[in-house]
């Protein structure tokens, strides 16, 4: 995992250019185990690293930090800690984006931790959105990006009901 103080962040790109702002945003995650996806620092992380379905070299450097923050308290972390790595991986596959060689191993290792972190969160209450994000992260970690995307689409009770109605009518 690239240290947050590494000069490598000055070389990595995100949606708006150099990723020099990303370490500061990632550092904030250590204090926000239950962060919401539309609040800071998440809003800026999503905007820069998963912009309109595009992912960047900095996205792959950030995912291990997000998963590390999740690992500190999976039983209280917000759904976004599962959602973000799942979405990065979904977009990576959809857009056939290669992970830079120097980031690949830490990214793969971090993603492989998600199923275990999900197990640690199993005792907490799960609403539909949390279940969808957590299960999508596990599917992505296990090499099932299309299933992960389907699961994210099921993140509201309304979407689940619509799907079930469609399924029953088939």
N, C-alpha and C. Protein backbone atom coordinates (compact mmCIF):
# COMPACT_ATOMS: atom_id res chain seq x y z
N UNK A 1 0.86 -1.17 0.00
CA UNK A 1 0.00 0.00 0.00
C UNK A 1 0.91 1.24 0.00
N UNK A 2 0.62 2.14 -0.88
CA UNK A 2 1.40 3.38 -0.95
C UNK A 2 1.11 4.22 0.29
N UNK A 3 2.14 4.62 0.98
CA UNK A 3 1.97 5.47 2.15
C UNK A 3 1.32 6.79 1.74
N UNK A 4 0.54 7.35 2.64
CA UNK A 4 -0.12 8.62 2.32
C UNK A 4 0.89 9.75 2.13
N UNK A 5 2.08 9.60 2.68
CA UNK A 5 3.12 10.63 2.53
C UNK A 5 4.02 10.40 1.32
N UNK A 6 3.75 9.37 0.54
CA UNK A 6 4.60 9.03 -0.59
C UNK A 6 4.51 10.07 -1.71
N UNK A 7 5.63 10.39 -2.33
CA UNK A 7 5.61 11.29 -3.48
C UNK A 7 4.91 10.67 -4.70
N UNK A 8 4.65 9.38 -4.65
CA UNK A 8 3.96 8.70 -5.77
C UNK A 8 2.60 9.34 -6.04
N UNK A 9 1.93 9.87 -5.02
CA UNK A 9 0.62 10.50 -5.20
C UNK A 9 0.71 11.69 -6.16
N UNK A 10 1.86 12.33 -6.23
CA UNK A 10 2.05 13.47 -7.13
C UNK A 10 2.13 13.03 -8.58
N UNK A 11 2.39 11.75 -8.81
CA UNK A 11 2.46 11.20 -10.16
C UNK A 11 1.14 10.58 -10.61
N UNK A 12 0.34 10.14 -9.65
CA UNK A 12 -0.93 9.47 -9.97
C UNK A 12 -1.97 10.47 -10.44
N UNK A 13 -2.86 10.01 -11.30
CA UNK A 13 -3.90 10.86 -11.86
C UNK A 13 -5.28 10.44 -11.34
N UNK A 14 -6.17 11.42 -11.26
CA UNK A 14 -7.59 11.16 -11.04
C UNK A 14 -8.38 12.03 -12.01
N UNK A 15 -9.67 12.13 -11.82
CA UNK A 15 -10.53 12.82 -12.80
C UNK A 15 -10.13 14.26 -13.06
N UNK A 16 -9.50 14.91 -12.09
CA UNK A 16 -9.21 16.33 -12.21
C UNK A 16 -7.72 16.64 -12.33
N UNK A 17 -6.90 15.60 -12.51
CA UNK A 17 -5.47 15.83 -12.64
C UNK A 17 -4.67 15.03 -11.64
N UNK A 18 -3.63 15.65 -11.10
CA UNK A 18 -2.75 14.96 -10.15
C UNK A 18 -3.49 14.69 -8.84
N UNK A 19 -3.17 13.55 -8.24
CA UNK A 19 -3.88 13.07 -7.06
C UNK A 19 -3.27 13.57 -5.76
N UNK A 20 -2.71 14.76 -5.76
CA UNK A 20 -2.06 15.27 -4.56
C UNK A 20 -3.03 15.51 -3.40
N UNK A 21 -4.32 15.67 -3.69
CA UNK A 21 -5.32 15.91 -2.65
C UNK A 21 -5.83 14.62 -2.01
N UNK A 22 -5.62 13.50 -2.64
CA UNK A 22 -6.21 12.23 -2.19
C UNK A 22 -5.66 11.77 -0.84
N UNK A 23 -4.37 11.84 -0.55
CA UNK A 23 -3.90 11.39 0.76
C UNK A 23 -4.59 12.11 1.93
N UNK A 24 -4.80 13.40 1.81
CA UNK A 24 -5.48 14.14 2.87
C UNK A 24 -6.91 13.68 3.06
N UNK A 25 -7.59 13.38 1.96
CA UNK A 25 -8.97 12.89 2.05
C UNK A 25 -9.00 11.50 2.66
N UNK A 26 -8.09 10.64 2.25
CA UNK A 26 -8.04 9.28 2.80
C UNK A 26 -7.70 9.29 4.29
N UNK A 27 -6.85 10.20 4.71
CA UNK A 27 -6.50 10.29 6.13
C UNK A 27 -7.73 10.59 6.98
N UNK A 28 -8.67 11.33 6.43
CA UNK A 28 -9.90 11.66 7.17
C UNK A 28 -10.77 10.43 7.44
N UNK A 29 -10.63 9.40 6.64
CA UNK A 29 -11.45 8.20 6.82
C UNK A 29 -11.15 7.48 8.13
N UNK A 30 -9.95 7.65 8.64
CA UNK A 30 -9.59 6.98 9.89
C UNK A 30 -10.48 7.44 11.05
N UNK A 31 -11.04 8.62 10.96
CA UNK A 31 -11.87 9.17 12.03
C UNK A 31 -13.36 9.09 11.75
N UNK A 32 -13.75 8.52 10.59
CA UNK A 32 -15.16 8.51 10.19
C UNK A 32 -15.63 7.08 9.87
N UNK A 33 -15.68 6.20 10.87
CA UNK A 33 -16.06 4.83 10.54
C UNK A 33 -17.46 4.69 9.97
N UNK A 34 -18.35 5.60 10.26
CA UNK A 34 -19.72 5.47 9.76
C UNK A 34 -20.04 6.52 8.70
N UNK A 35 -19.06 7.00 7.98
CA UNK A 35 -19.24 8.06 6.99
C UNK A 35 -20.31 7.78 5.96
N UNK A 36 -20.92 8.83 5.51
CA UNK A 36 -21.96 8.75 4.47
C UNK A 36 -21.34 9.12 3.13
N UNK A 37 -21.84 8.52 2.06
CA UNK A 37 -21.28 8.70 0.73
C UNK A 37 -21.41 10.09 0.15
N UNK A 38 -22.35 10.89 0.66
CA UNK A 38 -22.54 12.23 0.10
C UNK A 38 -21.91 13.31 0.99
N UNK A 39 -21.23 12.93 2.06
CA UNK A 39 -20.55 13.87 2.94
C UNK A 39 -19.05 13.83 2.65
N UNK A 40 -18.35 14.84 3.11
CA UNK A 40 -16.89 14.84 2.95
C UNK A 40 -16.28 13.88 3.96
N UNK A 41 -15.21 13.23 3.64
CA UNK A 41 -14.41 13.34 2.42
C UNK A 41 -14.93 12.49 1.27
N UNK A 42 -16.01 11.73 1.54
CA UNK A 42 -16.49 10.80 0.52
C UNK A 42 -16.91 11.48 -0.77
N UNK A 43 -17.58 12.61 -0.69
CA UNK A 43 -18.03 13.28 -1.91
C UNK A 43 -16.84 13.57 -2.82
N UNK A 44 -15.76 14.09 -2.25
CA UNK A 44 -14.58 14.41 -3.06
C UNK A 44 -13.87 13.15 -3.56
N UNK A 45 -13.82 12.11 -2.73
CA UNK A 45 -13.20 10.86 -3.17
C UNK A 45 -13.97 10.25 -4.34
N UNK A 46 -15.29 10.18 -4.21
CA UNK A 46 -16.09 9.63 -5.31
C UNK A 46 -15.91 10.45 -6.58
N UNK A 47 -15.98 11.76 -6.43
CA UNK A 47 -15.89 12.65 -7.59
C UNK A 47 -14.55 12.50 -8.32
N UNK A 48 -13.47 12.40 -7.57
CA UNK A 48 -12.14 12.33 -8.18
C UNK A 48 -11.76 10.93 -8.65
N UNK A 49 -12.22 9.90 -7.93
CA UNK A 49 -11.70 8.55 -8.17
C UNK A 49 -12.65 7.60 -8.88
N UNK A 50 -13.92 7.94 -8.91
CA UNK A 50 -14.91 7.10 -9.60
C UNK A 50 -15.88 8.01 -10.33
N UNK A 51 -15.34 8.93 -11.06
CA UNK A 51 -16.09 9.99 -11.72
C UNK A 51 -16.89 9.45 -12.90
N UNK A 52 -18.21 9.47 -12.78
CA UNK A 52 -19.12 9.04 -13.85
C UNK A 52 -18.74 7.67 -14.42
N UNK A 53 -18.35 6.78 -13.52
CA UNK A 53 -18.02 5.43 -13.94
C UNK A 53 -16.60 5.23 -14.45
N UNK A 54 -15.81 6.28 -14.44
CA UNK A 54 -14.41 6.16 -14.85
C UNK A 54 -13.54 5.98 -13.61
N UNK A 55 -12.49 5.19 -13.73
CA UNK A 55 -11.52 5.01 -12.66
C UNK A 55 -10.13 5.33 -13.19
N UNK A 56 -9.24 5.61 -12.27
CA UNK A 56 -7.93 6.17 -12.60
C UNK A 56 -6.85 5.46 -11.79
N UNK A 57 -5.59 5.67 -12.13
CA UNK A 57 -4.54 5.07 -11.32
C UNK A 57 -4.67 5.38 -9.83
N UNK A 58 -5.03 6.60 -9.50
CA UNK A 58 -5.20 6.95 -8.08
C UNK A 58 -6.33 6.17 -7.42
N UNK A 59 -7.31 5.74 -8.19
CA UNK A 59 -8.42 4.94 -7.64
C UNK A 59 -7.87 3.64 -7.05
N UNK A 60 -6.94 3.03 -7.78
CA UNK A 60 -6.38 1.75 -7.35
C UNK A 60 -5.44 1.93 -6.16
N UNK A 61 -4.83 3.08 -6.04
CA UNK A 61 -3.98 3.37 -4.88
C UNK A 61 -4.84 3.68 -3.65
N UNK A 62 -6.03 4.22 -3.87
CA UNK A 62 -6.90 4.60 -2.75
C UNK A 62 -7.64 3.42 -2.15
N UNK A 63 -8.04 2.46 -2.96
CA UNK A 63 -8.85 1.34 -2.47
C UNK A 63 -8.20 0.63 -1.27
N UNK A 64 -6.92 0.32 -1.27
CA UNK A 64 -6.35 -0.32 -0.08
C UNK A 64 -6.49 0.53 1.20
N UNK A 65 -6.44 1.85 1.06
CA UNK A 65 -6.61 2.72 2.22
C UNK A 65 -8.05 2.70 2.72
N UNK A 66 -9.00 2.67 1.80
CA UNK A 66 -10.41 2.58 2.19
C UNK A 66 -10.66 1.27 2.92
N UNK A 67 -10.14 0.19 2.39
CA UNK A 67 -10.34 -1.12 3.02
C UNK A 67 -9.61 -1.20 4.35
N UNK A 68 -8.45 -0.55 4.45
CA UNK A 68 -7.75 -0.49 5.73
C UNK A 68 -8.59 0.25 6.77
N UNK A 69 -9.19 1.35 6.37
CA UNK A 69 -10.06 2.10 7.29
C UNK A 69 -11.27 1.25 7.69
N UNK A 70 -11.85 0.55 6.74
CA UNK A 70 -12.96 -0.36 7.02
C UNK A 70 -12.56 -1.41 8.04
N UNK A 71 -11.34 -1.93 7.92
CA UNK A 71 -10.89 -3.01 8.79
C UNK A 71 -10.78 -2.58 10.25
N UNK A 72 -10.72 -1.30 10.50
CA UNK A 72 -10.62 -0.81 11.87
C UNK A 72 -11.92 -0.97 12.64
N UNK A 73 -13.05 -1.01 11.92
CA UNK A 73 -14.33 -1.15 12.61
C UNK A 73 -15.42 -1.60 11.63
N UNK A 74 -15.31 -2.81 11.09
CA UNK A 74 -16.32 -3.26 10.11
C UNK A 74 -17.72 -3.37 10.70
N UNK A 75 -17.81 -3.53 12.01
CA UNK A 75 -19.13 -3.66 12.63
C UNK A 75 -19.85 -2.32 12.78
N UNK A 76 -19.15 -1.21 12.56
CA UNK A 76 -19.81 0.10 12.62
C UNK A 76 -19.62 0.94 11.36
N UNK A 77 -18.77 0.51 10.45
CA UNK A 77 -18.48 1.30 9.25
C UNK A 77 -19.73 1.44 8.39
N UNK A 78 -19.87 2.59 7.77
CA UNK A 78 -20.98 2.83 6.87
C UNK A 78 -20.88 2.00 5.61
N UNK A 79 -21.99 1.85 4.93
CA UNK A 79 -22.06 1.04 3.71
C UNK A 79 -21.10 1.51 2.63
N UNK A 80 -20.75 2.80 2.64
CA UNK A 80 -19.88 3.36 1.61
C UNK A 80 -18.49 2.72 1.62
N UNK A 81 -18.06 2.21 2.77
CA UNK A 81 -16.75 1.55 2.84
C UNK A 81 -16.74 0.25 2.04
N UNK A 82 -17.88 -0.36 1.85
CA UNK A 82 -18.00 -1.52 0.98
C UNK A 82 -18.34 -1.10 -0.45
N UNK A 83 -19.20 -0.08 -0.56
CA UNK A 83 -19.67 0.38 -1.86
C UNK A 83 -18.53 0.89 -2.74
N UNK A 84 -17.66 1.72 -2.17
CA UNK A 84 -16.61 2.35 -2.96
C UNK A 84 -15.68 1.33 -3.61
N UNK A 85 -15.09 0.38 -2.87
CA UNK A 85 -14.20 -0.57 -3.55
C UNK A 85 -14.95 -1.44 -4.56
N UNK A 86 -16.19 -1.78 -4.25
CA UNK A 86 -16.98 -2.57 -5.21
C UNK A 86 -17.14 -1.78 -6.51
N UNK A 87 -17.50 -0.51 -6.40
CA UNK A 87 -17.73 0.30 -7.60
C UNK A 87 -16.46 0.51 -8.40
N UNK A 88 -15.34 0.74 -7.73
CA UNK A 88 -14.07 0.89 -8.45
C UNK A 88 -13.79 -0.38 -9.25
N UNK A 89 -14.00 -1.53 -8.63
CA UNK A 89 -13.71 -2.78 -9.33
C UNK A 89 -14.69 -3.03 -10.47
N UNK A 90 -15.95 -2.70 -10.27
CA UNK A 90 -16.94 -2.83 -11.34
C UNK A 90 -16.53 -1.97 -12.53
N UNK A 91 -16.17 -0.73 -12.27
CA UNK A 91 -15.78 0.20 -13.34
C UNK A 91 -14.48 -0.24 -14.01
N UNK A 92 -13.58 -0.80 -13.23
CA UNK A 92 -12.32 -1.31 -13.80
C UNK A 92 -12.63 -2.37 -14.85
N UNK A 93 -13.52 -3.28 -14.53
CA UNK A 93 -13.86 -4.34 -15.46
C UNK A 93 -14.67 -3.82 -16.65
N UNK A 94 -15.66 -2.98 -16.38
CA UNK A 94 -16.50 -2.46 -17.47
C UNK A 94 -15.69 -1.69 -18.50
N UNK A 95 -14.74 -0.91 -18.01
CA UNK A 95 -13.94 -0.05 -18.90
C UNK A 95 -12.61 -0.67 -19.28
N UNK A 96 -12.37 -1.89 -18.83
CA UNK A 96 -11.13 -2.61 -19.12
C UNK A 96 -9.89 -1.77 -18.81
N UNK A 97 -9.88 -1.22 -17.60
CA UNK A 97 -8.76 -0.40 -17.14
C UNK A 97 -7.75 -1.30 -16.44
N UNK A 98 -6.51 -1.19 -16.86
CA UNK A 98 -5.42 -1.95 -16.24
C UNK A 98 -4.99 -1.27 -14.94
N UNK A 99 -4.72 -2.08 -13.94
CA UNK A 99 -4.16 -1.57 -12.69
C UNK A 99 -2.67 -1.37 -12.92
N UNK A 100 -2.13 -0.19 -12.60
CA UNK A 100 -0.68 -0.01 -12.76
C UNK A 100 0.09 -1.10 -12.00
N UNK A 101 1.16 -1.56 -12.58
CA UNK A 101 1.93 -2.69 -12.04
C UNK A 101 2.34 -2.48 -10.59
N UNK A 102 2.75 -1.26 -10.24
CA UNK A 102 3.22 -1.03 -8.87
C UNK A 102 2.09 -0.94 -7.86
N UNK A 103 0.85 -0.89 -8.33
CA UNK A 103 -0.31 -0.81 -7.44
C UNK A 103 -1.10 -2.11 -7.38
N UNK A 104 -0.84 -2.99 -8.32
CA UNK A 104 -1.65 -4.19 -8.50
C UNK A 104 -1.72 -5.07 -7.25
N UNK A 105 -0.57 -5.42 -6.69
CA UNK A 105 -0.58 -6.37 -5.57
C UNK A 105 -1.31 -5.82 -4.35
N UNK A 106 -1.09 -4.57 -4.02
CA UNK A 106 -1.78 -4.02 -2.84
C UNK A 106 -3.28 -3.91 -3.09
N UNK A 107 -3.66 -3.61 -4.32
CA UNK A 107 -5.08 -3.56 -4.66
C UNK A 107 -5.72 -4.95 -4.53
N UNK A 108 -5.10 -5.94 -5.14
CA UNK A 108 -5.63 -7.30 -5.11
C UNK A 108 -5.67 -7.82 -3.67
N UNK A 109 -4.61 -7.59 -2.90
CA UNK A 109 -4.58 -8.03 -1.51
C UNK A 109 -5.69 -7.36 -0.70
N UNK A 110 -5.89 -6.08 -0.91
CA UNK A 110 -6.94 -5.36 -0.17
C UNK A 110 -8.32 -5.89 -0.54
N UNK A 111 -8.57 -6.06 -1.82
CA UNK A 111 -9.87 -6.58 -2.25
C UNK A 111 -10.14 -7.97 -1.65
N UNK A 112 -9.10 -8.77 -1.52
CA UNK A 112 -9.28 -10.12 -0.98
C UNK A 112 -9.68 -10.11 0.49
N UNK A 113 -9.50 -9.00 1.16
CA UNK A 113 -9.89 -8.87 2.57
C UNK A 113 -11.38 -8.63 2.76
N UNK A 114 -12.07 -8.20 1.72
CA UNK A 114 -13.47 -7.80 1.86
C UNK A 114 -14.39 -8.90 2.38
N UNK A 115 -14.32 -10.13 1.89
CA UNK A 115 -15.23 -11.15 2.44
C UNK A 115 -15.05 -11.37 3.94
N UNK A 116 -13.83 -11.34 4.42
CA UNK A 116 -13.59 -11.49 5.86
C UNK A 116 -14.12 -10.31 6.65
N UNK A 117 -14.00 -9.12 6.10
CA UNK A 117 -14.53 -7.93 6.77
C UNK A 117 -16.05 -7.96 6.80
N UNK A 118 -16.64 -8.49 5.74
CA UNK A 118 -18.09 -8.67 5.71
C UNK A 118 -18.51 -9.62 6.83
N UNK A 119 -17.78 -10.70 7.00
CA UNK A 119 -18.09 -11.65 8.07
C UNK A 119 -18.03 -10.97 9.43
N UNK A 120 -17.06 -10.09 9.62
CA UNK A 120 -16.95 -9.38 10.89
C UNK A 120 -18.12 -8.43 11.12
N UNK A 121 -18.76 -7.99 10.04
CA UNK A 121 -19.91 -7.09 10.14
C UNK A 121 -21.23 -7.85 10.23
N UNK A 122 -21.17 -9.17 10.27
CA UNK A 122 -22.40 -9.97 10.19
C UNK A 122 -23.31 -9.82 11.40
N UNK A 123 -22.79 -9.42 12.54
CA UNK A 123 -23.62 -9.30 13.73
C UNK A 123 -24.38 -7.98 13.85
N UNK A 124 -24.10 -7.06 12.98
CA UNK A 124 -24.75 -5.75 13.06
C UNK A 124 -26.09 -5.77 12.32
N UNK A 125 -26.96 -4.81 12.56
CA UNK A 125 -28.19 -4.73 11.76
C UNK A 125 -27.85 -4.34 10.31
N UNK A 126 -28.55 -4.97 9.37
CA UNK A 126 -28.35 -4.68 7.95
C UNK A 126 -29.65 -4.19 7.35
N UNK A 127 -29.62 -2.99 6.81
CA UNK A 127 -30.76 -2.57 5.99
C UNK A 127 -30.47 -2.99 4.55
N UNK A 128 -31.39 -2.73 3.65
CA UNK A 128 -31.23 -3.16 2.26
C UNK A 128 -29.99 -2.57 1.63
N UNK A 129 -29.74 -1.29 1.87
CA UNK A 129 -28.59 -0.62 1.25
C UNK A 129 -27.27 -1.22 1.75
N UNK A 130 -27.16 -1.45 3.05
CA UNK A 130 -25.92 -2.03 3.57
C UNK A 130 -25.72 -3.43 3.01
N UNK A 131 -26.79 -4.23 3.00
CA UNK A 131 -26.68 -5.60 2.48
C UNK A 131 -26.23 -5.59 1.03
N UNK A 132 -26.81 -4.72 0.22
CA UNK A 132 -26.45 -4.65 -1.20
C UNK A 132 -24.98 -4.27 -1.37
N UNK A 133 -24.52 -3.27 -0.64
CA UNK A 133 -23.13 -2.82 -0.78
C UNK A 133 -22.15 -3.87 -0.26
N UNK A 134 -22.45 -4.46 0.87
CA UNK A 134 -21.55 -5.46 1.44
C UNK A 134 -21.46 -6.70 0.55
N UNK A 135 -22.60 -7.15 0.07
CA UNK A 135 -22.59 -8.33 -0.81
C UNK A 135 -21.95 -8.01 -2.16
N UNK A 136 -22.16 -6.79 -2.66
CA UNK A 136 -21.51 -6.38 -3.91
C UNK A 136 -19.99 -6.36 -3.75
N UNK A 137 -19.51 -5.89 -2.61
CA UNK A 137 -18.07 -5.87 -2.37
C UNK A 137 -17.50 -7.29 -2.37
N UNK A 138 -18.24 -8.21 -1.77
CA UNK A 138 -17.79 -9.60 -1.76
C UNK A 138 -17.79 -10.17 -3.17
N UNK A 139 -18.83 -9.90 -3.93
CA UNK A 139 -18.88 -10.39 -5.31
C UNK A 139 -17.72 -9.82 -6.12
N UNK A 140 -17.45 -8.54 -5.97
CA UNK A 140 -16.32 -7.93 -6.69
C UNK A 140 -15.01 -8.57 -6.27
N UNK A 141 -14.84 -8.78 -4.98
CA UNK A 141 -13.61 -9.39 -4.47
C UNK A 141 -13.41 -10.80 -5.00
N UNK A 142 -14.50 -11.47 -5.31
CA UNK A 142 -14.43 -12.85 -5.79
C UNK A 142 -14.49 -12.94 -7.31
N UNK A 143 -14.25 -11.80 -7.99
CA UNK A 143 -14.15 -11.82 -9.45
C UNK A 143 -15.49 -11.85 -10.17
N UNK A 144 -16.53 -11.34 -9.55
CA UNK A 144 -17.86 -11.32 -10.14
C UNK A 144 -18.36 -9.88 -10.28
N UNK A 145 -17.75 -9.08 -11.15
CA UNK A 145 -18.13 -7.67 -11.24
C UNK A 145 -19.56 -7.44 -11.73
N UNK A 146 -20.07 -8.29 -12.61
CA UNK A 146 -21.44 -8.10 -13.09
C UNK A 146 -22.44 -8.38 -11.97
N UNK A 147 -22.22 -9.42 -11.21
CA UNK A 147 -23.08 -9.70 -10.06
C UNK A 147 -22.99 -8.57 -9.05
N UNK A 148 -21.79 -8.05 -8.84
CA UNK A 148 -21.61 -6.92 -7.93
C UNK A 148 -22.45 -5.72 -8.39
N UNK A 149 -22.45 -5.46 -9.67
CA UNK A 149 -23.23 -4.33 -10.19
C UNK A 149 -24.72 -4.56 -10.00
N UNK A 150 -25.18 -5.77 -10.24
CA UNK A 150 -26.59 -6.10 -10.02
C UNK A 150 -26.95 -5.88 -8.56
N UNK A 151 -26.11 -6.34 -7.67
CA UNK A 151 -26.38 -6.17 -6.24
C UNK A 151 -26.47 -4.70 -5.86
N UNK A 152 -25.59 -3.87 -6.40
CA UNK A 152 -25.66 -2.43 -6.11
C UNK A 152 -26.96 -1.82 -6.63
N UNK A 153 -27.46 -2.34 -7.73
CA UNK A 153 -28.74 -1.85 -8.26
C UNK A 153 -29.90 -2.20 -7.33
N UNK A 154 -29.70 -3.16 -6.45
CA UNK A 154 -30.74 -3.60 -5.52
C UNK A 154 -30.60 -2.93 -4.16
N UNK A 155 -30.06 -1.73 -4.12
CA UNK A 155 -29.76 -1.09 -2.84
C UNK A 155 -30.93 -0.36 -2.19
N UNK A 156 -32.10 -0.43 -2.76
CA UNK A 156 -33.28 0.15 -2.11
C UNK A 156 -34.40 -0.90 -2.09
N UNK A 157 -35.25 -0.84 -1.07
CA UNK A 157 -36.37 -1.78 -1.02
C UNK A 157 -37.26 -1.67 -2.27
N UNK A 158 -37.38 -0.47 -2.82
CA UNK A 158 -38.20 -0.29 -4.02
C UNK A 158 -37.61 -1.05 -5.20
N UNK A 159 -36.29 -0.99 -5.36
CA UNK A 159 -35.64 -1.71 -6.46
C UNK A 159 -35.82 -3.21 -6.29
N UNK A 160 -35.70 -3.69 -5.08
CA UNK A 160 -35.90 -5.12 -4.82
C UNK A 160 -37.32 -5.52 -5.18
N UNK A 161 -38.30 -4.73 -4.76
CA UNK A 161 -39.70 -5.03 -5.06
C UNK A 161 -39.98 -4.99 -6.56
N UNK A 162 -39.43 -4.00 -7.25
CA UNK A 162 -39.60 -3.92 -8.70
C UNK A 162 -39.00 -5.14 -9.39
N UNK A 163 -37.83 -5.54 -8.95
CA UNK A 163 -37.20 -6.73 -9.53
C UNK A 163 -38.06 -7.96 -9.29
N UNK A 164 -38.55 -8.12 -8.07
CA UNK A 164 -39.37 -9.28 -7.77
C UNK A 164 -40.64 -9.30 -8.60
N UNK A 165 -41.28 -8.14 -8.76
CA UNK A 165 -42.47 -8.07 -9.61
C UNK A 165 -42.13 -8.48 -11.05
N UNK A 166 -41.04 -7.96 -11.57
CA UNK A 166 -40.60 -8.31 -12.92
C UNK A 166 -40.34 -9.82 -12.99
N UNK A 167 -39.69 -10.35 -12.00
CA UNK A 167 -39.35 -11.78 -11.98
C UNK A 167 -40.60 -12.65 -11.94
N UNK A 168 -41.58 -12.26 -11.15
CA UNK A 168 -42.81 -13.04 -11.04
C UNK A 168 -43.61 -13.03 -12.33
N UNK A 169 -43.51 -11.93 -13.09
CA UNK A 169 -44.25 -11.79 -14.34
C UNK A 169 -43.63 -12.54 -15.50
N UNK A 170 -42.43 -13.01 -15.35
CA UNK A 170 -41.73 -13.70 -16.44
C UNK A 170 -42.31 -15.05 -16.70
